């Protein structure tokens, strides 16, 4: 064996690797990269996929209502909807009840994209969490959900 071929001992953890903020930041960055790679073939990013998910609900939503559900400002929402509309994934129409509102709905292409991209996202998530056993991965996701939403009940549904 040459000197560079020898197995290297594991690098000891740095003091930062015991800090929650450091770990969350780096885990999120790694997952964001994995998700971006998984979604790229579908022509959407994570933000656009989130818009498609929200718009796929049972009730029609205005841009403002969708923005509120996503926790984004109106300007950001308009840009997201414009991009999705340019790609033929959503369409706007005037609300019959309030002509000042734009209802945004998925097109057939948007529904197909949503389902394919969600499948890719779930596969990326499973791959990212593969180092954890199934119970630990589920516990992690549940714990993070509680921290983010304050709601300890299981989610109502998943796509």
N, C-alpha and C. Protein backbone atom coordinates (compact mmCIF):
# COMPACT_ATOMS: atom_id res chain seq x y z
N UNK A 1 0.83 -1.19 0.00
CA UNK A 1 0.00 0.00 0.00
C UNK A 1 0.86 1.25 0.00
N UNK A 2 0.46 2.19 -0.80
CA UNK A 2 1.16 3.47 -0.76
C UNK A 2 0.65 4.27 0.44
N UNK A 3 1.36 5.25 0.84
CA UNK A 3 1.00 6.04 2.01
C UNK A 3 -0.37 6.70 1.90
N UNK A 4 -0.76 7.09 0.69
CA UNK A 4 -2.05 7.77 0.54
C UNK A 4 -3.21 6.79 0.49
N UNK A 5 -2.92 5.48 0.32
CA UNK A 5 -3.99 4.49 0.23
C UNK A 5 -4.41 3.93 1.58
N UNK A 6 -3.67 4.25 2.60
CA UNK A 6 -4.01 3.72 3.92
C UNK A 6 -5.29 4.34 4.44
N UNK A 7 -6.12 3.53 5.08
CA UNK A 7 -7.33 4.12 5.67
C UNK A 7 -6.95 5.16 6.72
N UNK A 8 -7.64 6.26 6.65
CA UNK A 8 -7.40 7.34 7.60
C UNK A 8 -8.30 7.16 8.82
N UNK A 9 -7.77 7.45 10.00
CA UNK A 9 -8.65 7.36 11.18
C UNK A 9 -9.75 8.42 11.06
N UNK A 10 -10.90 8.13 11.65
CA UNK A 10 -11.98 9.13 11.57
C UNK A 10 -11.55 10.44 12.22
N UNK A 11 -12.01 11.51 11.61
CA UNK A 11 -11.71 12.84 12.15
C UNK A 11 -12.54 13.04 13.40
N UNK A 12 -11.89 13.45 14.50
CA UNK A 12 -12.69 13.68 15.71
C UNK A 12 -13.66 14.84 15.49
N UNK A 13 -14.82 14.78 16.13
CA UNK A 13 -15.79 15.87 15.96
C UNK A 13 -15.22 17.19 16.49
N UNK A 14 -15.62 18.25 15.82
CA UNK A 14 -15.21 19.57 16.28
C UNK A 14 -16.17 19.99 17.39
N UNK A 15 -15.79 20.97 18.18
CA UNK A 15 -16.72 21.44 19.23
C UNK A 15 -18.05 21.92 18.67
N UNK A 16 -18.05 22.41 17.42
CA UNK A 16 -19.31 22.89 16.82
C UNK A 16 -20.27 21.75 16.53
N UNK A 17 -19.76 20.55 16.32
CA UNK A 17 -20.62 19.43 15.94
C UNK A 17 -21.52 18.93 17.06
N UNK A 18 -21.44 19.58 18.21
CA UNK A 18 -22.39 19.25 19.28
C UNK A 18 -23.43 20.36 19.44
N UNK A 19 -23.37 21.37 18.58
CA UNK A 19 -24.30 22.51 18.66
C UNK A 19 -25.47 22.33 17.70
N UNK A 20 -26.65 22.48 18.22
CA UNK A 20 -27.86 22.28 17.44
C UNK A 20 -27.89 23.16 16.20
N UNK A 21 -27.60 24.43 16.35
CA UNK A 21 -27.65 25.35 15.21
C UNK A 21 -26.71 24.93 14.09
N UNK A 22 -25.51 24.55 14.44
CA UNK A 22 -24.53 24.09 13.46
C UNK A 22 -25.05 22.85 12.74
N UNK A 23 -25.56 21.90 13.50
CA UNK A 23 -26.04 20.65 12.93
C UNK A 23 -27.26 20.88 12.02
N UNK A 24 -28.20 21.69 12.48
CA UNK A 24 -29.39 21.97 11.67
C UNK A 24 -29.01 22.68 10.37
N UNK A 25 -28.11 23.65 10.47
CA UNK A 25 -27.68 24.41 9.29
C UNK A 25 -27.06 23.48 8.26
N UNK A 26 -26.15 22.63 8.70
CA UNK A 26 -25.44 21.77 7.77
C UNK A 26 -26.33 20.62 7.26
N UNK A 27 -27.21 20.12 8.09
CA UNK A 27 -28.15 19.09 7.63
C UNK A 27 -29.09 19.70 6.59
N UNK A 28 -29.59 20.90 6.84
CA UNK A 28 -30.48 21.56 5.90
C UNK A 28 -29.77 21.83 4.57
N UNK A 29 -28.53 22.28 4.62
CA UNK A 29 -27.78 22.55 3.40
C UNK A 29 -27.56 21.27 2.59
N UNK A 30 -27.22 20.19 3.27
CA UNK A 30 -27.01 18.91 2.58
C UNK A 30 -28.31 18.41 1.97
N UNK A 31 -29.40 18.53 2.72
CA UNK A 31 -30.69 18.08 2.19
C UNK A 31 -31.15 18.97 1.04
N UNK A 32 -30.90 20.26 1.12
CA UNK A 32 -31.28 21.18 0.04
C UNK A 32 -30.54 20.81 -1.25
N UNK A 33 -29.25 20.46 -1.15
CA UNK A 33 -28.50 20.04 -2.34
C UNK A 33 -29.09 18.75 -2.92
N UNK A 34 -29.38 17.78 -2.05
CA UNK A 34 -29.94 16.50 -2.51
C UNK A 34 -31.31 16.71 -3.15
N UNK A 35 -32.13 17.56 -2.55
CA UNK A 35 -33.46 17.85 -3.11
C UNK A 35 -33.36 18.56 -4.45
N UNK A 36 -32.46 19.53 -4.54
CA UNK A 36 -32.30 20.27 -5.80
C UNK A 36 -31.91 19.32 -6.93
N UNK A 37 -31.00 18.41 -6.65
CA UNK A 37 -30.58 17.43 -7.66
C UNK A 37 -31.76 16.53 -8.06
N UNK A 38 -32.55 16.12 -7.09
CA UNK A 38 -33.68 15.24 -7.37
C UNK A 38 -34.78 15.95 -8.16
N UNK A 39 -34.99 17.23 -7.89
CA UNK A 39 -36.07 17.98 -8.53
C UNK A 39 -35.69 18.55 -9.89
N UNK A 40 -34.41 18.75 -10.13
CA UNK A 40 -33.95 19.39 -11.37
C UNK A 40 -34.53 18.74 -12.63
N UNK A 41 -34.56 17.41 -12.73
CA UNK A 41 -35.13 16.82 -13.96
C UNK A 41 -36.61 17.14 -14.18
N UNK A 42 -37.29 17.60 -13.14
CA UNK A 42 -38.71 17.90 -13.24
C UNK A 42 -38.97 19.39 -13.50
N UNK A 43 -37.89 20.17 -13.56
CA UNK A 43 -38.01 21.58 -13.91
C UNK A 43 -38.55 22.48 -12.82
N UNK A 44 -38.52 22.00 -11.58
CA UNK A 44 -38.96 22.83 -10.45
C UNK A 44 -37.92 22.77 -9.34
N UNK A 45 -37.99 23.77 -8.48
CA UNK A 45 -37.15 23.73 -7.28
C UNK A 45 -38.07 23.51 -6.08
N UNK A 46 -37.50 23.48 -4.90
CA UNK A 46 -38.27 23.21 -3.69
C UNK A 46 -39.36 24.23 -3.42
N UNK A 47 -39.10 25.50 -3.70
CA UNK A 47 -40.11 26.55 -3.48
C UNK A 47 -41.28 26.36 -4.44
N UNK A 48 -40.95 26.09 -5.70
CA UNK A 48 -42.01 25.90 -6.70
C UNK A 48 -42.83 24.65 -6.39
N UNK A 49 -42.16 23.60 -5.96
CA UNK A 49 -42.88 22.38 -5.59
C UNK A 49 -43.83 22.66 -4.43
N UNK A 50 -43.39 23.44 -3.46
CA UNK A 50 -44.26 23.79 -2.33
C UNK A 50 -45.51 24.52 -2.82
N UNK A 51 -45.36 25.40 -3.80
CA UNK A 51 -46.52 26.11 -4.36
C UNK A 51 -47.47 25.10 -5.01
N UNK A 52 -46.92 24.18 -5.79
CA UNK A 52 -47.77 23.17 -6.43
C UNK A 52 -48.51 22.34 -5.40
N UNK A 53 -47.84 21.97 -4.31
CA UNK A 53 -48.47 21.18 -3.25
C UNK A 53 -49.65 21.94 -2.65
N UNK A 54 -49.43 23.21 -2.33
CA UNK A 54 -50.49 24.02 -1.72
C UNK A 54 -51.66 24.20 -2.68
N UNK A 55 -51.35 24.41 -3.95
CA UNK A 55 -52.42 24.64 -4.94
C UNK A 55 -53.18 23.36 -5.27
N UNK A 56 -52.61 22.21 -4.97
CA UNK A 56 -53.27 20.94 -5.27
C UNK A 56 -54.33 20.57 -4.25
N UNK A 57 -54.53 21.40 -3.24
CA UNK A 57 -55.53 21.12 -2.21
C UNK A 57 -56.94 21.08 -2.77
N UNK A 58 -57.87 20.78 -1.91
CA UNK A 58 -59.26 20.59 -2.32
C UNK A 58 -59.97 21.89 -2.70
N UNK A 59 -59.54 23.00 -2.12
CA UNK A 59 -60.24 24.26 -2.40
C UNK A 59 -59.38 25.18 -3.25
N UNK A 60 -60.00 25.91 -4.18
CA UNK A 60 -59.24 26.86 -4.99
C UNK A 60 -58.70 27.99 -4.11
N UNK A 61 -57.49 28.41 -4.41
CA UNK A 61 -56.85 29.46 -3.61
C UNK A 61 -56.48 30.64 -4.49
N UNK A 62 -56.58 31.82 -3.90
CA UNK A 62 -56.06 33.02 -4.56
C UNK A 62 -54.55 33.06 -4.31
N UNK A 63 -53.88 33.93 -5.05
CA UNK A 63 -52.44 34.10 -4.83
C UNK A 63 -52.16 34.49 -3.39
N UNK A 64 -52.98 35.38 -2.86
CA UNK A 64 -52.78 35.86 -1.49
C UNK A 64 -52.97 34.72 -0.49
N UNK A 65 -54.00 33.91 -0.69
CA UNK A 65 -54.25 32.78 0.22
C UNK A 65 -53.12 31.75 0.14
N UNK A 66 -52.64 31.47 -1.06
CA UNK A 66 -51.52 30.54 -1.22
C UNK A 66 -50.27 31.10 -0.54
N UNK A 67 -50.02 32.38 -0.71
CA UNK A 67 -48.86 33.02 -0.08
C UNK A 67 -48.93 32.89 1.44
N UNK A 68 -50.13 33.09 1.99
CA UNK A 68 -50.30 32.99 3.44
C UNK A 68 -50.02 31.56 3.92
N UNK A 69 -50.49 30.58 3.18
CA UNK A 69 -50.24 29.18 3.58
C UNK A 69 -48.77 28.82 3.52
N UNK A 70 -48.06 29.43 2.59
CA UNK A 70 -46.63 29.15 2.45
C UNK A 70 -45.76 30.04 3.33
N UNK A 71 -46.37 31.10 3.87
CA UNK A 71 -45.59 32.02 4.69
C UNK A 71 -44.63 32.87 3.88
N UNK A 72 -45.03 33.23 2.65
CA UNK A 72 -44.19 34.10 1.82
C UNK A 72 -44.94 35.39 1.53
N UNK A 73 -44.19 36.43 1.20
CA UNK A 73 -44.83 37.72 0.91
C UNK A 73 -45.43 37.71 -0.50
N UNK A 74 -46.28 38.69 -0.76
CA UNK A 74 -47.00 38.76 -2.04
C UNK A 74 -46.06 38.84 -3.24
N UNK A 75 -45.01 39.64 -3.11
CA UNK A 75 -44.07 39.82 -4.22
C UNK A 75 -43.40 38.51 -4.58
N UNK A 76 -42.98 37.77 -3.58
CA UNK A 76 -42.35 36.47 -3.81
C UNK A 76 -43.35 35.52 -4.46
N UNK A 77 -44.59 35.55 -3.97
CA UNK A 77 -45.61 34.66 -4.51
C UNK A 77 -45.88 34.98 -5.97
N UNK A 78 -45.97 36.24 -6.33
CA UNK A 78 -46.21 36.63 -7.72
C UNK A 78 -45.08 36.09 -8.60
N UNK A 79 -43.84 36.22 -8.15
CA UNK A 79 -42.70 35.73 -8.93
C UNK A 79 -42.76 34.20 -9.10
N UNK A 80 -43.12 33.50 -8.02
CA UNK A 80 -43.23 32.05 -8.10
C UNK A 80 -44.34 31.63 -9.07
N UNK A 81 -45.49 32.27 -8.95
CA UNK A 81 -46.62 31.95 -9.83
C UNK A 81 -46.28 32.31 -11.28
N UNK A 82 -45.63 33.45 -11.49
CA UNK A 82 -45.24 33.83 -12.86
C UNK A 82 -44.37 32.75 -13.49
N UNK A 83 -43.38 32.27 -12.74
CA UNK A 83 -42.49 31.24 -13.27
C UNK A 83 -43.23 29.94 -13.58
N UNK A 84 -44.09 29.53 -12.67
CA UNK A 84 -44.87 28.31 -12.89
C UNK A 84 -45.83 28.46 -14.06
N UNK A 85 -46.40 29.66 -14.19
CA UNK A 85 -47.31 29.91 -15.31
C UNK A 85 -46.53 29.90 -16.63
N UNK A 86 -45.34 30.49 -16.65
CA UNK A 86 -44.51 30.50 -17.85
C UNK A 86 -44.18 29.08 -18.33
N UNK A 87 -44.11 28.14 -17.38
CA UNK A 87 -43.80 26.75 -17.72
C UNK A 87 -45.07 25.91 -17.92
N UNK A 88 -46.22 26.55 -17.89
CA UNK A 88 -47.47 25.86 -18.16
C UNK A 88 -47.95 24.96 -17.03
N UNK A 89 -47.46 25.20 -15.81
CA UNK A 89 -47.83 24.34 -14.68
C UNK A 89 -49.02 24.87 -13.88
N UNK A 90 -49.28 26.17 -13.96
CA UNK A 90 -50.44 26.76 -13.29
C UNK A 90 -51.08 27.77 -14.22
N UNK A 91 -52.32 28.12 -13.90
CA UNK A 91 -53.00 29.19 -14.63
C UNK A 91 -53.76 30.04 -13.62
N UNK A 92 -53.87 31.30 -13.96
CA UNK A 92 -54.65 32.23 -13.14
C UNK A 92 -56.00 32.44 -13.81
N UNK A 93 -57.00 32.65 -12.96
CA UNK A 93 -58.31 33.05 -13.47
C UNK A 93 -58.93 33.97 -12.43
N UNK A 94 -59.81 34.81 -12.86
CA UNK A 94 -60.51 35.71 -11.95
C UNK A 94 -61.48 34.91 -11.10
N UNK A 95 -61.56 35.28 -9.84
CA UNK A 95 -62.54 34.64 -8.95
C UNK A 95 -63.93 35.10 -9.35
N UNK A 96 -64.87 34.16 -9.50
CA UNK A 96 -66.24 34.59 -9.82
C UNK A 96 -66.90 35.35 -8.67
N UNK A 97 -66.46 35.10 -7.44
CA UNK A 97 -67.04 35.78 -6.28
C UNK A 97 -66.42 37.16 -6.04
N UNK A 98 -65.16 37.34 -6.42
CA UNK A 98 -64.47 38.61 -6.17
C UNK A 98 -63.52 38.87 -7.35
N UNK A 99 -63.92 39.71 -8.26
CA UNK A 99 -63.15 39.96 -9.49
C UNK A 99 -61.77 40.55 -9.21
N UNK A 100 -61.53 41.02 -7.99
CA UNK A 100 -60.20 41.55 -7.66
C UNK A 100 -59.20 40.44 -7.37
N UNK A 101 -59.69 39.22 -7.14
CA UNK A 101 -58.83 38.09 -6.79
C UNK A 101 -58.47 37.25 -8.00
N UNK A 102 -57.22 36.80 -8.03
CA UNK A 102 -56.80 35.81 -9.00
C UNK A 102 -56.79 34.45 -8.31
N UNK A 103 -57.57 33.52 -8.83
CA UNK A 103 -57.51 32.14 -8.36
C UNK A 103 -56.41 31.47 -9.17
N UNK A 104 -55.58 30.68 -8.51
CA UNK A 104 -54.50 29.99 -9.20
C UNK A 104 -54.77 28.50 -9.10
N UNK A 105 -54.69 27.83 -10.24
CA UNK A 105 -54.95 26.39 -10.25
C UNK A 105 -53.91 25.67 -11.08
N UNK A 106 -53.72 24.40 -10.76
CA UNK A 106 -52.78 23.59 -11.51
C UNK A 106 -53.37 23.24 -12.87
N UNK A 107 -52.50 23.20 -13.86
CA UNK A 107 -52.88 22.66 -15.16
C UNK A 107 -52.67 21.15 -15.10
N UNK A 108 -53.05 20.47 -16.14
CA UNK A 108 -52.79 19.02 -16.20
C UNK A 108 -51.29 18.77 -16.15
N UNK A 109 -50.52 19.58 -16.85
CA UNK A 109 -49.05 19.45 -16.80
C UNK A 109 -48.55 19.71 -15.37
N UNK A 110 -49.17 20.64 -14.69
CA UNK A 110 -48.79 20.94 -13.30
C UNK A 110 -49.06 19.76 -12.38
N UNK A 111 -50.18 19.09 -12.58
CA UNK A 111 -50.50 17.90 -11.76
C UNK A 111 -49.50 16.78 -12.01
N UNK A 112 -49.17 16.57 -13.27
CA UNK A 112 -48.18 15.53 -13.61
C UNK A 112 -46.83 15.87 -13.00
N UNK A 113 -46.42 17.13 -13.14
CA UNK A 113 -45.15 17.57 -12.56
C UNK A 113 -45.16 17.39 -11.06
N UNK A 114 -46.25 17.78 -10.41
CA UNK A 114 -46.37 17.65 -8.96
C UNK A 114 -46.14 16.20 -8.54
N UNK A 115 -46.82 15.27 -9.17
CA UNK A 115 -46.71 13.88 -8.75
C UNK A 115 -45.31 13.31 -9.00
N UNK A 116 -44.73 13.62 -10.15
CA UNK A 116 -43.38 13.13 -10.44
C UNK A 116 -42.35 13.78 -9.52
N UNK A 117 -42.47 15.08 -9.30
CA UNK A 117 -41.51 15.78 -8.44
C UNK A 117 -41.65 15.36 -6.99
N UNK A 118 -42.88 15.10 -6.54
CA UNK A 118 -43.09 14.62 -5.16
C UNK A 118 -42.47 13.24 -4.98
N UNK A 119 -42.58 12.40 -5.98
CA UNK A 119 -41.95 11.08 -5.91
C UNK A 119 -40.43 11.23 -5.80
N UNK A 120 -39.87 12.12 -6.59
CA UNK A 120 -38.43 12.37 -6.54
C UNK A 120 -38.03 12.97 -5.19
N UNK A 121 -38.85 13.88 -4.67
CA UNK A 121 -38.55 14.48 -3.36
C UNK A 121 -38.56 13.42 -2.26
N UNK A 122 -39.59 12.55 -2.29
CA UNK A 122 -39.66 11.49 -1.27
C UNK A 122 -38.45 10.55 -1.37
N UNK A 123 -38.03 10.23 -2.58
CA UNK A 123 -36.87 9.36 -2.76
C UNK A 123 -35.61 10.04 -2.23
N UNK A 124 -35.47 11.33 -2.48
CA UNK A 124 -34.31 12.08 -1.97
C UNK A 124 -34.34 12.12 -0.45
N UNK A 125 -35.53 12.29 0.12
CA UNK A 125 -35.67 12.31 1.57
C UNK A 125 -35.29 10.96 2.17
N UNK A 126 -35.79 9.88 1.57
CA UNK A 126 -35.45 8.54 2.06
C UNK A 126 -33.94 8.31 1.98
N UNK A 127 -33.34 8.71 0.88
CA UNK A 127 -31.90 8.54 0.70
C UNK A 127 -31.13 9.36 1.74
N UNK A 128 -31.57 10.59 1.96
CA UNK A 128 -30.91 11.46 2.94
C UNK A 128 -30.97 10.87 4.34
N UNK A 129 -32.10 10.27 4.67
CA UNK A 129 -32.29 9.70 6.02
C UNK A 129 -31.84 8.24 6.12
N UNK A 130 -31.26 7.70 5.07
CA UNK A 130 -30.91 6.27 5.03
C UNK A 130 -29.93 5.85 6.13
N UNK A 131 -29.14 6.77 6.63
CA UNK A 131 -28.20 6.42 7.70
C UNK A 131 -28.91 6.14 9.02
N UNK A 132 -30.19 6.53 9.10
CA UNK A 132 -30.98 6.31 10.31
C UNK A 132 -31.93 5.15 10.08
N UNK A 133 -32.20 4.39 11.12
CA UNK A 133 -33.23 3.36 10.96
C UNK A 133 -34.58 4.06 10.81
N UNK A 134 -35.58 3.32 10.35
CA UNK A 134 -36.89 3.91 10.03
C UNK A 134 -37.53 4.61 11.22
N UNK A 135 -37.45 4.00 12.39
CA UNK A 135 -38.07 4.60 13.58
C UNK A 135 -37.36 5.90 13.97
N UNK A 136 -36.04 5.90 13.92
CA UNK A 136 -35.28 7.11 14.26
C UNK A 136 -35.58 8.23 13.27
N UNK A 137 -35.65 7.89 11.98
CA UNK A 137 -35.95 8.89 10.95
C UNK A 137 -37.34 9.48 11.19
N UNK A 138 -38.33 8.63 11.49
CA UNK A 138 -39.69 9.11 11.75
C UNK A 138 -39.72 9.99 12.99
N UNK A 139 -38.96 9.61 14.01
CA UNK A 139 -38.90 10.40 15.24
C UNK A 139 -38.27 11.77 14.97
N UNK A 140 -37.22 11.80 14.17
CA UNK A 140 -36.57 13.06 13.82
C UNK A 140 -37.55 13.98 13.10
N UNK A 141 -38.23 13.47 12.09
CA UNK A 141 -39.17 14.28 11.32
C UNK A 141 -40.30 14.78 12.23
N UNK A 142 -40.80 13.90 13.09
CA UNK A 142 -41.88 14.30 14.01
C UNK A 142 -41.40 15.38 14.98
N UNK A 143 -40.20 15.21 15.52
CA UNK A 143 -39.66 16.20 16.46
C UNK A 143 -39.46 17.56 15.77
N UNK A 144 -38.95 17.55 14.56
CA UNK A 144 -38.76 18.81 13.85
C UNK A 144 -40.10 19.47 13.55
N UNK A 145 -41.10 18.66 13.21
CA UNK A 145 -42.44 19.20 12.96
C UNK A 145 -42.99 19.89 14.21
N UNK A 146 -42.79 19.28 15.36
CA UNK A 146 -43.26 19.90 16.60
C UNK A 146 -42.54 21.22 16.84
N UNK A 147 -41.22 21.25 16.61
CA UNK A 147 -40.46 22.48 16.82
C UNK A 147 -40.90 23.59 15.87
N UNK A 148 -41.24 23.22 14.63
CA UNK A 148 -41.61 24.22 13.64
C UNK A 148 -43.06 24.68 13.80
N UNK A 149 -43.98 23.73 14.06
CA UNK A 149 -45.40 24.07 14.08
C UNK A 149 -45.99 24.17 15.47
N UNK A 150 -45.33 23.55 16.45
CA UNK A 150 -45.90 23.50 17.79
C UNK A 150 -47.00 22.47 17.92
N UNK A 151 -47.24 21.70 16.87
CA UNK A 151 -48.33 20.73 16.84
C UNK A 151 -47.75 19.32 16.93
N UNK A 152 -48.10 18.59 17.98
CA UNK A 152 -47.56 17.25 18.18
C UNK A 152 -48.40 16.16 17.52
N UNK A 153 -49.55 16.52 16.95
CA UNK A 153 -50.39 15.50 16.31
C UNK A 153 -49.77 15.09 14.98
N UNK A 154 -50.07 13.87 14.52
CA UNK A 154 -49.51 13.43 13.25
C UNK A 154 -50.09 14.27 12.11
N UNK A 155 -49.35 14.41 11.01
CA UNK A 155 -49.87 15.21 9.88
C UNK A 155 -51.15 14.59 9.34
N UNK A 156 -52.04 15.44 8.82
CA UNK A 156 -53.33 14.99 8.32
C UNK A 156 -53.18 14.08 7.11
N UNK A 157 -52.25 14.41 6.22
CA UNK A 157 -52.04 13.60 5.03
C UNK A 157 -50.70 13.92 4.40
N UNK A 158 -50.29 13.05 3.52
CA UNK A 158 -49.11 13.30 2.70
C UNK A 158 -49.47 12.94 1.27
N UNK A 159 -48.74 13.52 0.35
CA UNK A 159 -49.01 13.22 -1.08
C UNK A 159 -48.46 11.88 -1.44
